PDB file of all heavy atoms in Angstrom:
ATOM      1  N   GLY A   1       0.783  -1.235  -0.034  1.00  0.00           N
ATOM      2  CA  GLY A   1       0.009   0.062  -0.039  1.00  0.00           C
ATOM      3  C   GLY A   1       0.781   1.215   0.001  1.00  0.00           C
ATOM      4  O   GLY A   1       0.336   2.378  -0.316  1.00  0.00           O
ATOM      5  N   ASP A   2       2.030   1.217   0.409  1.00  0.00           N
ATOM      6  CA  ASP A   2       3.021   2.431   0.467  1.00  0.00           C
ATOM      7  C   ASP A   2       3.732   2.632  -0.898  1.00  0.00           C
ATOM      8  O   ASP A   2       4.389   3.561  -1.013  1.00  0.00           O
ATOM      9  CB  ASP A   2       4.006   2.231   1.552  1.00  0.00           C
ATOM     10  CG  ASP A   2       4.920   1.002   1.303  1.00  0.00           C
ATOM     11  OD1 ASP A   2       4.383   0.006   0.794  1.00  0.00           O
ATOM     12  OD2 ASP A   2       6.057   1.084   1.631  1.00  0.00           O
ATOM     13  N   LEU A   3       3.433   1.702  -1.828  1.00  0.00           N
ATOM     14  CA  LEU A   3       4.252   1.806  -3.035  1.00  0.00           C
ATOM     15  C   LEU A   3       3.389   2.359  -4.237  1.00  0.00           C
ATOM     16  O   LEU A   3       2.382   1.825  -4.533  1.00  0.00           O
ATOM     17  CB  LEU A   3       4.770   0.448  -3.518  1.00  0.00           C
ATOM     18  CG  LEU A   3       5.726   0.218  -4.635  1.00  0.00           C
ATOM     19  CD1 LEU A   3       7.062   0.820  -4.315  1.00  0.00           C
ATOM     20  CD2 LEU A   3       5.873  -1.236  -5.039  1.00  0.00           C
ATOM     21  N   PRO A   4       3.903   3.386  -4.936  1.00  0.00           N
ATOM     22  CA  PRO A   4       3.233   3.791  -6.215  1.00  0.00           C
ATOM     23  C   PRO A   4       3.078   2.686  -7.132  1.00  0.00           C
ATOM     24  O   PRO A   4       4.141   2.010  -7.466  1.00  0.00           O
ATOM     25  CB  PRO A   4       4.060   4.871  -6.751  1.00  0.00           C
ATOM     26  CG  PRO A   4       4.730   5.466  -5.481  1.00  0.00           C
ATOM     27  CD  PRO A   4       5.026   4.310  -4.640  1.00  0.00           C
ATOM     28  N   LEU A   5       1.827   2.270  -7.546  1.00  0.00           N
ATOM     29  CA  LEU A   5       1.648   1.122  -8.236  1.00  0.00           C
ATOM     30  C   LEU A   5       0.746   1.343  -9.446  1.00  0.00           C
ATOM     31  O   LEU A   5      -0.359   1.948  -9.267  1.00  0.00           O
ATOM     32  CB  LEU A   5       1.012   0.058  -7.385  1.00  0.00           C
ATOM     33  CG  LEU A   5       1.126  -1.485  -7.985  1.00  0.00           C
ATOM     34  CD1 LEU A   5       1.076  -2.425  -6.695  1.00  0.00           C
ATOM     35  CD2 LEU A   5      -0.077  -1.796  -8.845  1.00  0.00           C
ATOM     36  N   VAL A   6       1.099   1.001 -10.667  1.00  0.00           N
ATOM     37  CA  VAL A   6       0.327   1.159 -11.813  1.00  0.00           C
ATOM     38  C   VAL A   6       0.135  -0.109 -12.523  1.00  0.00           C
ATOM     39  O   VAL A   6       1.023  -0.913 -12.815  1.00  0.00           O
ATOM     40  CB  VAL A   6       0.947   2.242 -12.869  1.00  0.00           C
ATOM     41  CG1 VAL A   6       0.159   2.474 -14.012  1.00  0.00           C
ATOM     42  CG2 VAL A   6       1.334   3.491 -12.065  1.00  0.00           C
ATOM     43  N   GLY A   7      -1.164  -0.439 -12.900  1.00  0.00           N
ATOM     44  CA  GLY A   7      -1.497  -1.629 -13.650  1.00  0.00           C
ATOM     45  C   GLY A   7      -1.834  -1.220 -15.070  1.00  0.00           C
ATOM     46  O   GLY A   7      -1.897   0.003 -15.370  1.00  0.00           O
ATOM     47  N   VAL A   8      -2.149  -2.156 -15.906  1.00  0.00           N
ATOM     48  CA  VAL A   8      -2.631  -1.921 -17.259  1.00  0.00           C
ATOM     49  C   VAL A   8      -3.910  -2.654 -17.377  1.00  0.00           C
ATOM     50  O   VAL A   8      -4.112  -3.669 -16.849  1.00  0.00           O
ATOM     51  CB  VAL A   8      -1.529  -2.369 -18.336  1.00  0.00           C
ATOM     52  CG1 VAL A   8      -0.386  -1.548 -18.179  1.00  0.00           C
ATOM     53  CG2 VAL A   8      -1.350  -3.833 -18.311  1.00  0.00           C
ATOM     54  N   GLU A   9      -4.776  -2.092 -18.258  1.00  0.00           N
ATOM     55  CA  GLU A   9      -6.052  -2.745 -18.659  1.00  0.00           C
ATOM     56  C   GLU A   9      -6.333  -2.353 -20.060  1.00  0.00           C
ATOM     57  O   GLU A   9      -5.919  -1.356 -20.570  1.00  0.00           O
ATOM     58  CB  GLU A   9      -7.248  -2.318 -17.776  1.00  0.00           C
ATOM     59  CG  GLU A   9      -7.561  -0.864 -17.800  1.00  0.00           C
ATOM     60  CD  GLU A   9      -8.673  -0.498 -16.829  1.00  0.00           C
ATOM     61  OE1 GLU A   9      -8.952  -1.407 -15.892  1.00  0.00           O
ATOM     62  OE2 GLU A   9      -9.252   0.602 -16.998  1.00  0.00           O
ATOM     63  N   PRO A  10      -7.155  -3.133 -20.806  1.00  0.00           N
ATOM     64  CA  PRO A  10      -7.463  -2.887 -22.183  1.00  0.00           C
ATOM     65  C   PRO A  10      -8.175  -1.476 -22.294  1.00  0.00           C
ATOM     66  O   PRO A  10      -9.007  -1.170 -21.449  1.00  0.00           O
ATOM     67  CB  PRO A  10      -8.441  -3.901 -22.562  1.00  0.00           C
ATOM     68  CG  PRO A  10      -8.023  -5.146 -21.751  1.00  0.00           C
ATOM     69  CD  PRO A  10      -7.639  -4.461 -20.407  1.00  0.00           C
ATOM     70  N   ALA A  11      -7.698  -0.724 -23.146  1.00  0.00           N
ATOM     71  CA  ALA A  11      -8.048   0.721 -23.342  1.00  0.00           C
ATOM     72  C   ALA A  11      -9.398   0.879 -23.951  1.00  0.00           C
ATOM     73  O   ALA A  11      -9.553   1.555 -25.011  1.00  0.00           O
ATOM     74  CB  ALA A  11      -6.973   1.485 -24.056  1.00  0.00           C
ATOM     75  N   LEU A  12     -10.456   0.344 -23.363  1.00  0.00           N
ATOM     76  CA  LEU A  12     -11.805   0.455 -23.854  1.00  0.00           C
ATOM     77  C   LEU A  12     -12.322   1.908 -23.924  1.00  0.00           C
ATOM     78  O   LEU A  12     -12.986   2.352 -24.931  1.00  0.00           O
ATOM     79  CB  LEU A  12     -12.740  -0.418 -23.100  1.00  0.00           C
ATOM     80  CG  LEU A  12     -12.988  -1.812 -23.565  1.00  0.00           C
ATOM     81  CD1 LEU A  12     -11.609  -2.564 -23.499  1.00  0.00           C
ATOM     82  CD2 LEU A  12     -14.002  -2.589 -22.712  1.00  0.00           C
ATOM     83  N   LYS A  13     -12.076   2.651 -22.855  1.00  0.00           N
ATOM     84  CA  LYS A  13     -12.651   4.039 -22.764  1.00  0.00           C
ATOM     85  C   LYS A  13     -11.911   4.858 -23.842  1.00  0.00           C
ATOM     86  O   LYS A  13     -12.797   5.596 -24.524  1.00  0.00           O
ATOM     87  CB  LYS A  13     -12.404   4.585 -21.326  1.00  0.00           C
ATOM     88  CG  LYS A  13     -13.025   5.894 -21.091  1.00  0.00           C
ATOM     89  CD  LYS A  13     -13.061   6.358 -19.627  1.00  0.00           C
ATOM     90  CE  LYS A  13     -13.762   7.663 -19.456  1.00  0.00           C
ATOM     91  NZ  LYS A  13     -13.648   8.050 -18.066  1.00  0.00           N
ATOM     92  N   PRO A  14     -10.630   4.849 -23.966  1.00  0.00           N
ATOM     93  CA  PRO A  14     -10.092   5.705 -25.123  1.00  0.00           C
ATOM     94  C   PRO A  14     -10.625   5.264 -26.509  1.00  0.00           C
ATOM     95  O   PRO A  14     -10.699   6.092 -27.311  1.00  0.00           O
ATOM     96  CB  PRO A  14      -8.578   5.526 -24.906  1.00  0.00           C
ATOM     97  CG  PRO A  14      -8.354   5.131 -23.395  1.00  0.00           C
ATOM     98  CD  PRO A  14      -9.622   4.334 -23.128  1.00  0.00           C
ATOM     99  N   ALA A  15     -10.728   3.966 -26.634  1.00  0.00           N
ATOM    100  CA  ALA A  15     -11.221   3.398 -27.884  1.00  0.00           C
ATOM    101  C   ALA A  15     -12.612   3.960 -28.111  1.00  0.00           C
ATOM    102  O   ALA A  15     -12.946   4.326 -29.308  1.00  0.00           O
ATOM    103  CB  ALA A  15     -11.210   1.846 -27.882  1.00  0.00           C
ATOM    104  N   ALA A  16     -13.570   3.923 -27.121  1.00  0.00           N
ATOM    105  CA  ALA A  16     -14.864   4.413 -27.403  1.00  0.00           C
ATOM    106  C   ALA A  16     -14.878   5.902 -27.737  1.00  0.00           C
ATOM    107  O   ALA A  16     -15.683   6.339 -28.541  1.00  0.00           O
ATOM    108  CB  ALA A  16     -15.805   4.174 -26.138  1.00  0.00           C
ATOM    109  N   ALA A  17     -14.048   6.644 -27.084  1.00  0.00           N
ATOM    110  CA  ALA A  17     -13.891   8.190 -27.445  1.00  0.00           C
ATOM    111  C   ALA A  17     -13.368   8.344 -28.855  1.00  0.00           C
ATOM    112  O   ALA A  17     -13.851   9.210 -29.572  1.00  0.00           O
ATOM    113  CB  ALA A  17     -12.974   8.839 -26.345  1.00  0.00           C
ATOM    114  N   ARG A  18     -12.478   7.442 -29.274  1.00  0.00           N
ATOM    115  CA  ARG A  18     -11.820   7.551 -30.598  1.00  0.00           C
ATOM    116  C   ARG A  18     -12.794   7.111 -31.804  1.00  0.00           C
ATOM    117  O   ARG A  18     -12.791   7.640 -32.807  1.00  0.00           O
ATOM    118  CB  ARG A  18     -10.555   6.720 -30.591  1.00  0.00           C
ATOM    119  CG  ARG A  18      -9.897   6.447 -31.934  1.00  0.00           C
ATOM    120  CD  ARG A  18      -9.465   7.611 -32.794  1.00  0.00           C
ATOM    121  NE  ARG A  18      -8.814   7.356 -34.067  1.00  0.00           N
ATOM    122  CZ  ARG A  18      -9.536   6.852 -35.050  1.00  0.00           C
ATOM    123  NH1 ARG A  18     -10.885   6.655 -35.085  1.00  0.00           N
ATOM    124  NH2 ARG A  18      -8.873   6.625 -36.191  1.00  0.00           N
ATOM    125  N   SER A  19     -13.511   6.075 -31.516  1.00  0.00           N
ATOM    126  CA  SER A  19     -14.286   5.422 -32.650  1.00  0.00           C
ATOM    127  C   SER A  19     -15.405   6.247 -33.085  1.00  0.00           C
ATOM    128  O   SER A  19     -16.184   6.910 -32.293  1.00  0.00           O
ATOM    129  CB  SER A  19     -14.939   4.067 -32.064  1.00  0.00           C
ATOM    130  OG  SER A  19     -15.735   3.483 -33.070  1.00  0.00           O
ATOM    131  N   THR A  20     -15.648   6.259 -34.403  1.00  0.00           N
ATOM    132  CA  THR A  20     -16.671   6.971 -35.070  1.00  0.00           C
ATOM    133  C   THR A  20     -17.866   5.926 -35.369  1.00  0.00           C
ATOM    134  O   THR A  20     -18.983   6.342 -35.035  1.00  0.00           O
ATOM    135  CB  THR A  20     -16.235   7.612 -36.376  1.00  0.00           C
ATOM    136  OG1 THR A  20     -15.216   8.575 -36.243  1.00  0.00           O
ATOM    137  CG2 THR A  20     -17.444   8.256 -37.026  1.00  0.00           C
ATOM    138  N   THR A  21     -17.499   4.790 -35.689  1.00  0.00           N
ATOM    139  CA  THR A  21     -18.659   3.873 -35.956  1.00  0.00           C
ATOM    140  C   THR A  21     -19.120   3.173 -34.681  1.00  0.00           C
ATOM    141  O   THR A  21     -20.227   2.534 -34.801  1.00  0.00           O
ATOM    142  CB  THR A  21     -18.091   2.745 -36.938  1.00  0.00           C
ATOM    143  OG1 THR A  21     -17.243   1.881 -36.287  1.00  0.00           O
ATOM    144  CG2 THR A  21     -17.458   3.256 -38.189  1.00  0.00           C
ATOM    145  N   LYS A  22     -18.419   3.253 -33.657  1.00  0.00           N
ATOM    146  CA  LYS A  22     -18.775   2.741 -32.391  1.00  0.00           C
ATOM    147  C   LYS A  22     -18.848   1.171 -32.394  1.00  0.00           C
ATOM    148  O   LYS A  22     -19.628   0.517 -31.534  1.00  0.00           O
ATOM    149  CB  LYS A  22     -20.113   3.285 -31.896  1.00  0.00           C
ATOM    150  CG  LYS A  22     -20.071   4.786 -31.612  1.00  0.00           C
ATOM    151  CD  LYS A  22     -18.978   5.256 -30.743  1.00  0.00           C
ATOM    152  CE  LYS A  22     -18.896   6.771 -30.511  1.00  0.00           C
ATOM    153  NZ  LYS A  22     -17.732   7.169 -29.711  1.00  0.00           N
ATOM    154  N   ARG A  23     -18.007   0.576 -33.301  1.00  0.00           N
ATOM    155  CA  ARG A  23     -17.813  -0.811 -33.308  1.00  0.00           C
ATOM    156  C   ARG A  23     -16.326  -1.004 -33.074  1.00  0.00           C
ATOM    157  O   ARG A  23     -15.530  -0.617 -33.956  1.00  0.00           O
ATOM    158  CB  ARG A  23     -18.321  -1.511 -34.531  1.00  0.00           C
ATOM    159  CG  ARG A  23     -19.843  -1.347 -34.824  1.00  0.00           C
ATOM    160  CD  ARG A  23     -20.330  -2.293 -35.856  1.00  0.00           C
ATOM    161  NE  ARG A  23     -20.490  -3.660 -35.369  1.00  0.00           N
ATOM    162  CZ  ARG A  23     -20.179  -4.800 -35.941  1.00  0.00           C
ATOM    163  NH1 ARG A  23     -19.569  -4.797 -37.169  1.00  0.00           N
ATOM    164  NH2 ARG A  23     -20.379  -5.900 -35.335  1.00  0.00           N
ATOM    165  N   ILE A  24     -15.910  -1.682 -32.004  1.00  0.00           N
ATOM    166  CA  ILE A  24     -14.613  -1.943 -31.660  1.00  0.00           C
ATOM    167  C   ILE A  24     -14.229  -3.391 -31.376  1.00  0.00           C
ATOM    168  O   ILE A  24     -15.072  -3.999 -30.551  1.00  0.00           O
ATOM    169  CB  ILE A  24     -14.385  -1.056 -30.333  1.00  0.00           C
ATOM    170  CG1 ILE A  24     -14.603   0.448 -30.600  1.00  0.00           C
ATOM    171  CG2 ILE A  24     -13.006  -1.303 -29.715  1.00  0.00           C
ATOM    172  CD1 ILE A  24     -14.820   1.306 -29.354  1.00  0.00           C
ATOM    173  N   ALA A  25     -13.200  -3.728 -31.844  1.00  0.00           N
ATOM    174  CA  ALA A  25     -12.713  -5.163 -31.584  1.00  0.00           C
ATOM    175  C   ALA A  25     -11.612  -5.098 -30.438  1.00  0.00           C
ATOM    176  O   ALA A  25     -10.746  -4.230 -30.552  1.00  0.00           O
ATOM    177  CB  ALA A  25     -12.033  -5.757 -32.823  1.00  0.00           C
ATOM    178  N   VAL A  26     -11.764  -5.986 -29.532  1.00  0.00           N
ATOM    179  CA  VAL A  26     -10.845  -6.077 -28.372  1.00  0.00           C
ATOM    180  C   VAL A  26     -10.083  -7.302 -28.473  1.00  0.00           C
ATOM    181  O   VAL A  26     -10.686  -8.412 -28.340  1.00  0.00           O
ATOM    182  CB  VAL A  26     -11.597  -5.942 -26.995  1.00  0.00           C
ATOM    183  CG1 VAL A  26     -10.611  -6.038 -25.884  1.00  0.00           C
ATOM    184  CG2 VAL A  26     -12.557  -4.681 -26.914  1.00  0.00           C
ATOM    185  N   LEU A  27      -8.847  -7.154 -28.698  1.00  0.00           N
ATOM    186  CA  LEU A  27      -7.976  -8.352 -28.775  1.00  0.00           C
ATOM    187  C   LEU A  27      -7.243  -8.591 -27.412  1.00  0.00           C
ATOM    188  O   LEU A  27      -6.570  -7.644 -26.968  1.00  0.00           O
ATOM    189  CB  LEU A  27      -6.922  -8.163 -29.869  1.00  0.00           C
ATOM    190  CG  LEU A  27      -7.458  -7.735 -31.262  1.00  0.00           C
ATOM    191  CD1 LEU A  27      -6.277  -7.468 -32.143  1.00  0.00           C
ATOM    192  CD2 LEU A  27      -8.431  -8.868 -31.805  1.00  0.00           C
ATOM    193  N   ALA A  28      -7.357  -9.879 -26.878  1.00  0.00           N
ATOM    194  CA  ALA A  28      -6.754 -10.000 -25.511  1.00  0.00           C
ATOM    195  C   ALA A  28      -6.581 -11.436 -25.278  1.00  0.00           C
ATOM    196  O   ALA A  28      -7.092 -12.243 -26.050  1.00  0.00           O
ATOM    197  CB  ALA A  28      -7.669  -9.323 -24.405  1.00  0.00           C
ATOM    198  N   THR A  29      -5.931 -11.810 -24.246  1.00  0.00           N
ATOM    199  CA  THR A  29      -5.810 -13.137 -23.764  1.00  0.00           C
ATOM    200  C   THR A  29      -7.049 -13.617 -23.284  1.00  0.00           C
ATOM    201  O   THR A  29      -8.043 -12.844 -22.797  1.00  0.00           O
ATOM    202  CB  THR A  29      -4.693 -13.369 -22.729  1.00  0.00           C
ATOM    203  OG1 THR A  29      -5.169 -12.723 -21.493  1.00  0.00           O
ATOM    204  CG2 THR A  29      -3.357 -12.860 -23.138  1.00  0.00           C
ATOM    205  N   ARG A  30      -7.310 -14.900 -23.244  1.00  0.00           N
ATOM    206  CA  ARG A  30      -8.700 -15.499 -22.734  1.00  0.00           C
ATOM    207  C   ARG A  30      -8.828 -15.162 -21.237  1.00  0.00           C
ATOM    208  O   ARG A  30      -9.851 -14.913 -20.743  1.00  0.00           O
ATOM    209  CB  ARG A  30      -8.662 -17.009 -22.991  1.00  0.00           C
ATOM    210  CG  ARG A  30      -9.979 -17.620 -22.828  1.00  0.00           C
ATOM    211  CD  ARG A  30      -9.932 -19.141 -23.404  1.00  0.00           C
ATOM    212  NE  ARG A  30      -9.664 -19.117 -24.735  1.00  0.00           N
ATOM    213  CZ  ARG A  30     -10.673 -19.031 -25.742  1.00  0.00           C
ATOM    214  NH1 ARG A  30     -11.937 -18.945 -25.371  1.00  0.00           N
ATOM    215  NH2 ARG A  30     -10.374 -19.164 -26.986  1.00  0.00           N
ATOM    216  N   ALA A  31      -7.696 -15.156 -20.519  1.00  0.00           N
ATOM    217  CA  ALA A  31      -7.795 -14.949 -19.072  1.00  0.00           C
ATOM    218  C   ALA A  31      -8.147 -13.550 -18.787  1.00  0.00           C
ATOM    219  O   ALA A  31      -8.969 -13.209 -17.898  1.00  0.00           O
ATOM    220  CB  ALA A  31      -6.388 -15.244 -18.413  1.00  0.00           C
ATOM    221  N   THR A  32      -7.646 -12.552 -19.573  1.00  0.00           N
ATOM    222  CA  THR A  32      -7.984 -11.169 -19.388  1.00  0.00           C
ATOM    223  C   THR A  32      -9.502 -10.983 -19.626  1.00  0.00           C
ATOM    224  O   THR A  32     -10.209 -10.295 -18.815  1.00  0.00           O
ATOM    225  CB  THR A  32      -7.258 -10.296 -20.304  1.00  0.00           C
ATOM    226  OG1 THR A  32      -5.873 -10.236 -19.876  1.00  0.00           O
ATOM    227  CG2 THR A  32      -7.713  -8.817 -20.305  1.00  0.00           C
ATOM    228  N   LEU A  33     -10.025 -11.556 -20.738  1.00  0.00           N
ATOM    229  CA  LEU A  33     -11.456 -11.316 -21.107  1.00  0.00           C
ATOM    230  C   LEU A  33     -12.411 -11.974 -20.171  1.00  0.00           C
ATOM    231  O   LEU A  33     -13.528 -11.582 -19.992  1.00  0.00           O
ATOM    232  CB  LEU A  33     -11.592 -11.857 -22.577  1.00  0.00           C
ATOM    233  CG  LEU A  33     -10.912 -11.124 -23.640  1.00  0.00           C
ATOM    234  CD1 LEU A  33     -11.207 -11.800 -25.015  1.00  0.00           C
ATOM    235  CD2 LEU A  33     -11.296  -9.662 -23.742  1.00  0.00           C
ATOM    236  N   ALA A  34     -11.872 -13.091 -19.524  1.00  0.00           N
ATOM    237  CA  ALA A  34     -12.672 -13.796 -18.493  1.00  0.00           C
ATOM    238  C   ALA A  34     -12.698 -13.202 -17.066  1.00  0.00           C
ATOM    239  O   ALA A  34     -13.473 -13.664 -16.216  1.00  0.00           O
ATOM    240  CB  ALA A  34     -12.226 -15.241 -18.442  1.00  0.00           C
ATOM    241  N   SER A  35     -11.848 -12.235 -16.807  1.00  0.00           N
ATOM    242  CA  SER A  35     -11.643 -11.662 -15.473  1.00  0.00           C
ATOM    243  C   SER A  35     -12.835 -10.822 -15.023  1.00  0.00           C
ATOM    244  O   SER A  35     -13.396 -10.242 -15.862  1.00  0.00           O
ATOM    245  CB  SER A  35     -10.243 -10.941 -15.470  1.00  0.00           C
ATOM    246  OG  SER A  35     -10.484  -9.759 -16.130  1.00  0.00           O
ATOM    247  N   ALA A  36     -12.991 -10.772 -13.780  1.00  0.00           N
ATOM    248  CA  ALA A  36     -14.032  -9.963 -13.145  1.00  0.00           C
ATOM    249  C   ALA A  36     -13.692  -8.434 -13.350  1.00  0.00           C
ATOM    250  O   ALA A  36     -14.547  -7.614 -13.672  1.00  0.00           O
ATOM    251  CB  ALA A  36     -14.162 -10.232 -11.592  1.00  0.00           C
ATOM    252  N   LYS A  37     -12.410  -8.101 -13.334  1.00  0.00           N
ATOM    253  CA  LYS A  37     -11.976  -6.695 -13.600  1.00  0.00           C
ATOM    254  C   LYS A  37     -12.376  -6.227 -15.019  1.00  0.00           C
ATOM    255  O   LYS A  37     -12.932  -5.103 -15.112  1.00  0.00           O
ATOM    256  CB  LYS A  37     -10.444  -6.577 -13.363  1.00  0.00           C
ATOM    257  CG  LYS A  37      -9.994  -5.135 -13.504  1.00  0.00           C
ATOM    258  CD  LYS A  37      -8.509  -5.019 -13.086  1.00  0.00           C
ATOM    259  CE  LYS A  37      -7.916  -3.631 -13.177  1.00  0.00           C
ATOM    260  NZ  LYS A  37      -8.567  -2.698 -12.203  1.00  0.00           N
ATOM    261  N   PHE A  38     -12.173  -7.149 -15.984  1.00  0.00           N
ATOM    262  CA  PHE A  38     -12.439  -6.773 -17.382  1.00  0.00           C
ATOM    263  C   PHE A  38     -14.000  -6.700 -17.562  1.00  0.00           C
ATOM    264  O   PHE A  38     -14.535  -5.775 -18.177  1.00  0.00           O
ATOM    265  CB  PHE A  38     -11.859  -7.701 -18.390  1.00  0.00           C
ATOM    266  CG  PHE A  38     -12.249  -7.343 -19.775  1.00  0.00           C
ATOM    267  CD1 PHE A  38     -11.603  -6.448 -20.493  1.00  0.00           C
ATOM    268  CD2 PHE A  38     -13.386  -7.952 -20.409  1.00  0.00           C
ATOM    269  CE1 PHE A  38     -12.005  -6.070 -21.762  1.00  0.00           C
ATOM    270  CE2 PHE A  38     -13.848  -7.727 -21.639  1.00  0.00           C
ATOM    271  CZ  PHE A  38     -13.114  -6.689 -22.379  1.00  0.00           C
ATOM    272  N   ALA A  39     -14.795  -7.627 -16.895  1.00  0.00           N
ATOM    273  CA  ALA A  39     -16.198  -7.690 -17.054  1.00  0.00           C
ATOM    274  C   ALA A  39     -16.768  -6.367 -16.424  1.00  0.00           C
ATOM    275  O   ALA A  39     -17.762  -5.790 -17.100  1.00  0.00           O
ATOM    276  CB  ALA A  39     -16.725  -8.797 -16.243  1.00  0.00           C
ATOM    277  N   ALA A  40     -16.253  -5.876 -15.339  1.00  0.00           N
ATOM    278  CA  ALA A  40     -16.790  -4.578 -14.790  1.00  0.00           C
ATOM    279  C   ALA A  40     -16.430  -3.428 -15.752  1.00  0.00           C
ATOM    280  O   ALA A  40     -17.284  -2.540 -15.905  1.00  0.00           O
ATOM    281  CB  ALA A  40     -16.068  -4.398 -13.479  1.00  0.00           C
ATOM    282  N   LEU A  41     -15.209  -3.418 -16.219  1.00  0.00           N
ATOM    283  CA  LEU A  41     -14.827  -2.316 -17.249  1.00  0.00           C
ATOM    284  C   LEU A  41     -15.831  -2.331 -18.415  1.00  0.00           C
ATOM    285  O   LEU A  41     -16.321  -1.316 -18.901  1.00  0.00           O
ATOM    286  CB  LEU A  41     -13.320  -2.459 -17.730  1.00  0.00           C
ATOM    287  CG  LEU A  41     -12.900  -1.553 -18.755  1.00  0.00           C
ATOM    288  CD1 LEU A  41     -12.890  -0.051 -18.172  1.00  0.00           C
ATOM    289  CD2 LEU A  41     -11.507  -1.932 -19.263  1.00  0.00           C
ATOM    290  N   HIS A  42     -15.964  -3.538 -19.050  1.00  0.00           N
ATOM    291  CA  HIS A  42     -16.842  -3.787 -20.202  1.00  0.00           C
ATOM    292  C   HIS A  42     -18.312  -3.279 -19.899  1.00  0.00           C
ATOM    293  O   HIS A  42     -18.853  -2.545 -20.660  1.00  0.00           O
ATOM    294  CB  HIS A  42     -16.776  -5.164 -20.624  1.00  0.00           C
ATOM    295  CG  HIS A  42     -17.564  -5.464 -21.853  1.00  0.00           C
ATOM    296  ND1 HIS A  42     -17.945  -6.785 -22.202  1.00  0.00           N
ATOM    297  CD2 HIS A  42     -17.944  -4.668 -22.897  1.00  0.00           C
ATOM    298  CE1 HIS A  42     -18.505  -6.701 -23.361  1.00  0.00           C
ATOM    299  NE2 HIS A  42     -18.521  -5.428 -23.788  1.00  0.00           N
TER     300      HIS A  42
END
């Protein structure tokens, strides 16, 4: 908890802001796509 810590996650929010057609493909590992963290973001 005392250590500055940064993780990474698929950039869905920037992609949604960038997309004009609003159809976005997300390429990731099966474990990432199955995770609770990704499900919440999605």
